[in-house]
């Protein structure tokens, strides 16, 4: 009966060092989906505000409507992108750290030296 080897095990033996390209490629896909979701959410917020204004057409003051439009613009174009993209930047940094650690481990393994507990520390 043949030995069942996992795909991860085969990949580890077949690829010497894949580099950060694999992780970055996955992040590019995630960023594309993130931007689509950001646009979808902005459209949804704008639609809700316009529906509210249509419903309260008679009762809403023009200055209130102008303030709501300004608030909508700030939410869609400033606040929402900062919150969503800020989380992505953290993910990008984390991916960079993991890729750097993988590269350090590979270099130490190839040079047959022992790897410190944290090769990225400055102590």
C-alpha atoms as a PDB file:
ATOM      1  CA  UNK A   1       0.000   0.000   0.000  1.00  0.00           C
ATOM      2  CA  UNK A   2       1.536   3.347  -1.036  1.00  0.00           C
ATOM      3  CA  UNK A   3       2.316   5.928   1.609  1.00  0.00           C
ATOM      4  CA  UNK A   4      -0.122   8.901   1.460  1.00  0.00           C
ATOM      5  CA  UNK A   5       1.949  12.077   1.477  1.00  0.00           C
ATOM      6  CA  UNK A   6       0.234  15.370   2.106  1.00  0.00           C
ATOM      7  CA  UNK A   7       0.334  18.106  -0.490  1.00  0.00           C
ATOM      8  CA  UNK A   8       2.205  20.308   1.976  1.00  0.00           C
ATOM      9  CA  UNK A   9       4.867  17.632   2.413  1.00  0.00           C
ATOM     10  CA  UNK A  10       5.279  17.264  -1.358  1.00  0.00           C
ATOM     11  CA  UNK A  11       5.516  21.026  -1.744  1.00  0.00           C
ATOM     12  CA  UNK A  12       8.191  21.248   0.958  1.00  0.00           C
ATOM     13  CA  UNK A  13      10.303  18.616  -0.825  1.00  0.00           C
ATOM     14  CA  UNK A  14       9.738  19.907  -4.352  1.00  0.00           C
ATOM     15  CA  UNK A  15      10.227  23.632  -3.722  1.00  0.00           C
ATOM     16  CA  UNK A  16      13.469  24.707  -2.109  1.00  0.00           C
ATOM     17  CA  UNK A  17      12.219  28.166  -1.106  1.00  0.00           C
ATOM     18  CA  UNK A  18       9.039  29.644  -2.587  1.00  0.00           C
ATOM     19  CA  UNK A  19       9.802  33.164  -1.334  1.00  0.00           C
ATOM     20  CA  UNK A  20       7.285  35.804  -0.400  1.00  0.00           C
ATOM     21  CA  UNK A  21       5.699  35.775  -3.853  1.00  0.00           C
ATOM     22  CA  UNK A  22       3.128  33.137  -2.951  1.00  0.00           C
ATOM     23  CA  UNK A  23       1.866  35.043   0.080  1.00  0.00           C
ATOM     24  CA  UNK A  24       1.904  38.385  -1.746  1.00  0.00           C
ATOM     25  CA  UNK A  25      -0.086  36.895  -4.636  1.00  0.00           C
ATOM     26  CA  UNK A  26      -2.732  35.745  -2.172  1.00  0.00           C
ATOM     27  CA  UNK A  27      -2.817  39.226  -0.653  1.00  0.00           C
ATOM     28  CA  UNK A  28      -3.318  40.796  -4.085  1.00  0.00           C
ATOM     29  CA  UNK A  29      -6.429  38.680  -4.532  1.00  0.00           C
ATOM     30  CA  UNK A  30      -7.630  39.632  -1.046  1.00  0.00           C
ATOM     31  CA  UNK A  31      -7.051  43.328  -1.791  1.00  0.00           C
ATOM     32  CA  UNK A  32      -9.141  43.069  -4.946  1.00  0.00           C
ATOM     33  CA  UNK A  33     -12.031  41.561  -2.989  1.00  0.00           C
ATOM     34  CA  UNK A  34     -11.578  44.170  -0.269  1.00  0.00           C
ATOM     35  CA  UNK A  35     -11.837  47.040  -2.764  1.00  0.00           C
ATOM     36  CA  UNK A  36     -14.979  45.513  -4.294  1.00  0.00           C
ATOM     37  CA  UNK A  37     -16.555  45.188  -0.850  1.00  0.00           C
ATOM     38  CA  UNK A  38     -15.584  48.763  -0.002  1.00  0.00           C
ATOM     39  CA  UNK A  39     -17.321  50.032  -3.132  1.00  0.00           C
ATOM     40  CA  UNK A  40     -20.390  47.899  -2.427  1.00  0.00           C
ATOM     41  CA  UNK A  41     -20.632  49.216   1.141  1.00  0.00           C
ATOM     42  CA  UNK A  42     -20.265  52.824  -0.012  1.00  0.00           C
ATOM     43  CA  UNK A  43     -23.111  52.338  -2.500  1.00  0.00           C
ATOM     44  CA  UNK A  44     -25.273  50.755   0.214  1.00  0.00           C
ATOM     45  CA  UNK A  45     -24.683  53.643   2.641  1.00  0.00           C
ATOM     46  CA  UNK A  46     -25.509  56.210  -0.053  1.00  0.00           C
ATOM     47  CA  UNK A  47     -28.672  54.325  -1.025  1.00  0.00           C
ATOM     48  CA  UNK A  48     -29.892  54.252   2.581  1.00  0.00           C
ATOM     49  CA  UNK A  49     -29.345  57.984   3.034  1.00  0.00           C
ATOM     50  CA  UNK A  50     -31.151  58.839  -0.186  1.00  0.00           C
ATOM     51  CA  UNK A  51     -34.051  56.582   0.820  1.00  0.00           C
ATOM     52  CA  UNK A  52     -34.197  58.392   4.172  1.00  0.00           C
ATOM     53  CA  UNK A  53     -34.248  61.762   2.417  1.00  0.00           C
ATOM     54  CA  UNK A  54     -36.996  60.628   0.051  1.00  0.00           C
ATOM     55  CA  UNK A  55     -39.051  59.382   2.992  1.00  0.00           C
ATOM     56  CA  UNK A  56     -38.630  62.633   4.946  1.00  0.00           C
ATOM     57  CA  UNK A  57     -38.801  64.910   1.891  1.00  0.00           C
ATOM     58  CA  UNK A  58     -41.397  67.220   3.435  1.00  0.00           C
ATOM     59  CA  UNK A  59     -40.003  67.292   6.985  1.00  0.00           C
ATOM     60  CA  UNK A  60     -36.249  67.613   6.410  1.00  0.00           C
ATOM     61  CA  UNK A  61     -34.618  71.035   6.318  1.00  0.00           C
ATOM     62  CA  UNK A  62     -32.278  71.849   3.409  1.00  0.00           C
ATOM     63  CA  UNK A  63     -29.369  72.497   5.812  1.00  0.00           C
ATOM     64  CA  UNK A  64     -29.919  69.090   7.413  1.00  0.00           C
ATOM     65  CA  UNK A  65     -29.898  67.512   4.001  1.00  0.00           C
ATOM     66  CA  UNK A  66     -26.641  69.301   3.157  1.00  0.00           C
ATOM     67  CA  UNK A  67     -25.088  68.161   6.439  1.00  0.00           C
ATOM     68  CA  UNK A  68     -26.175  64.581   5.768  1.00  0.00           C
ATOM     69  CA  UNK A  69     -24.626  64.727   2.288  1.00  0.00           C
ATOM     70  CA  UNK A  70     -21.363  66.069   3.743  1.00  0.00           C
ATOM     71  CA  UNK A  71     -21.388  63.376   6.418  1.00  0.00           C
ATOM     72  CA  UNK A  72     -22.042  60.745   3.753  1.00  0.00           C
ATOM     73  CA  UNK A  73     -19.138  62.015   1.660  1.00  0.00           C
ATOM     74  CA  UNK A  74     -16.751  61.923   4.663  1.00  0.00           C
ATOM     75  CA  UNK A  75     -17.916  58.444   5.662  1.00  0.00           C
ATOM     76  CA  UNK A  76     -17.591  56.969   2.168  1.00  0.00           C
ATOM     77  CA  UNK A  77     -14.423  58.712   1.021  1.00  0.00           C
ATOM     78  CA  UNK A  78     -12.431  59.065   4.253  1.00  0.00           C
ATOM     79  CA  UNK A  79     -13.549  57.015   7.229  1.00  0.00           C
ATOM     80  CA  UNK A  80     -14.604  53.719   5.622  1.00  0.00           C
ATOM     81  CA  UNK A  81     -11.482  53.385   3.423  1.00  0.00           C
ATOM     82  CA  UNK A  82      -9.182  54.175   6.361  1.00  0.00           C
ATOM     83  CA  UNK A  83     -10.765  51.560   8.588  1.00  0.00           C
ATOM     84  CA  UNK A  84     -10.861  48.842   5.939  1.00  0.00           C
ATOM     85  CA  UNK A  85      -7.442  49.518   4.403  1.00  0.00           C
ATOM     86  CA  UNK A  86      -5.856  49.981   7.831  1.00  0.00           C
ATOM     87  CA  UNK A  87      -6.692  46.390   8.676  1.00  0.00           C
ATOM     88  CA  UNK A  88      -5.233  45.301   5.347  1.00  0.00           C
ATOM     89  CA  UNK A  89      -1.957  47.116   6.093  1.00  0.00           C
ATOM     90  CA  UNK A  90      -1.670  45.128   9.320  1.00  0.00           C
ATOM     91  CA  UNK A  91      -2.224  41.914   7.376  1.00  0.00           C
ATOM     92  CA  UNK A  92       0.378  42.974   4.814  1.00  0.00           C
ATOM     93  CA  UNK A  93       2.927  43.672   7.556  1.00  0.00           C
ATOM     94  CA  UNK A  94       2.220  40.329   9.199  1.00  0.00           C
ATOM     95  CA  UNK A  95       2.735  38.570   5.864  1.00  0.00           C
ATOM     96  CA  UNK A  96       6.013  40.409   5.407  1.00  0.00           C
ATOM     97  CA  UNK A  97       7.220  39.301   8.844  1.00  0.00           C
ATOM     98  CA  UNK A  98       6.328  35.673   8.164  1.00  0.00           C
ATOM     99  CA  UNK A  99       8.069  35.778   4.773  1.00  0.00           C
ATOM    100  CA  UNK A 100      11.190  37.320   6.336  1.00  0.00           C
ATOM    101  CA  UNK A 101      11.204  34.666   9.065  1.00  0.00           C
ATOM    102  CA  UNK A 102      10.781  31.902   6.467  1.00  0.00           C
ATOM    103  CA  UNK A 103      13.711  33.332   4.496  1.00  0.00           C
ATOM    104  CA  UNK A 104      15.858  33.495   7.651  1.00  0.00           C
ATOM    105  CA  UNK A 105      14.988  29.905   8.546  1.00  0.00           C
ATOM    106  CA  UNK A 106      15.811  28.777   5.010  1.00  0.00           C
ATOM    107  CA  UNK A 107      19.151  30.604   5.045  1.00  0.00           C
ATOM    108  CA  UNK A 108      20.101  29.100   8.412  1.00  0.00           C
ATOM    109  CA  UNK A 109      19.007  25.643   7.301  1.00  0.00           C
ATOM    110  CA  UNK A 110      21.068  25.885   4.104  1.00  0.00           C
ATOM    111  CA  UNK A 111      24.126  27.105   6.020  1.00  0.00           C
ATOM    112  CA  UNK A 112      23.661  24.381   8.672  1.00  0.00           C
ATOM    113  CA  UNK A 113      23.685  26.894  11.508  1.00  0.00           C
ATOM    114  CA  UNK A 114      21.386  27.029  14.499  1.00  0.00           C
ATOM    115  CA  UNK A 115      18.583  29.595  14.288  1.00  0.00           C
ATOM    116  CA  UNK A 116      18.008  31.858  17.277  1.00  0.00           C
ATOM    117  CA  UNK A 117      14.545  31.946  18.806  1.00  0.00           C
ATOM    118  CA  UNK A 118      13.792  35.269  17.077  1.00  0.00           C
ATOM    119  CA  UNK A 119      16.166  36.133  14.227  1.00  0.00           C
ATOM    120  CA  UNK A 120      14.377  39.442  13.680  1.00  0.00           C
ATOM    121  CA  UNK A 121      15.019  40.786  17.184  1.00  0.00           C
ATOM    122  CA  UNK A 122      17.561  43.567  17.611  1.00  0.00           C
ATOM    123  CA  UNK A 123      19.019  42.432  20.930  1.00  0.00           C
END
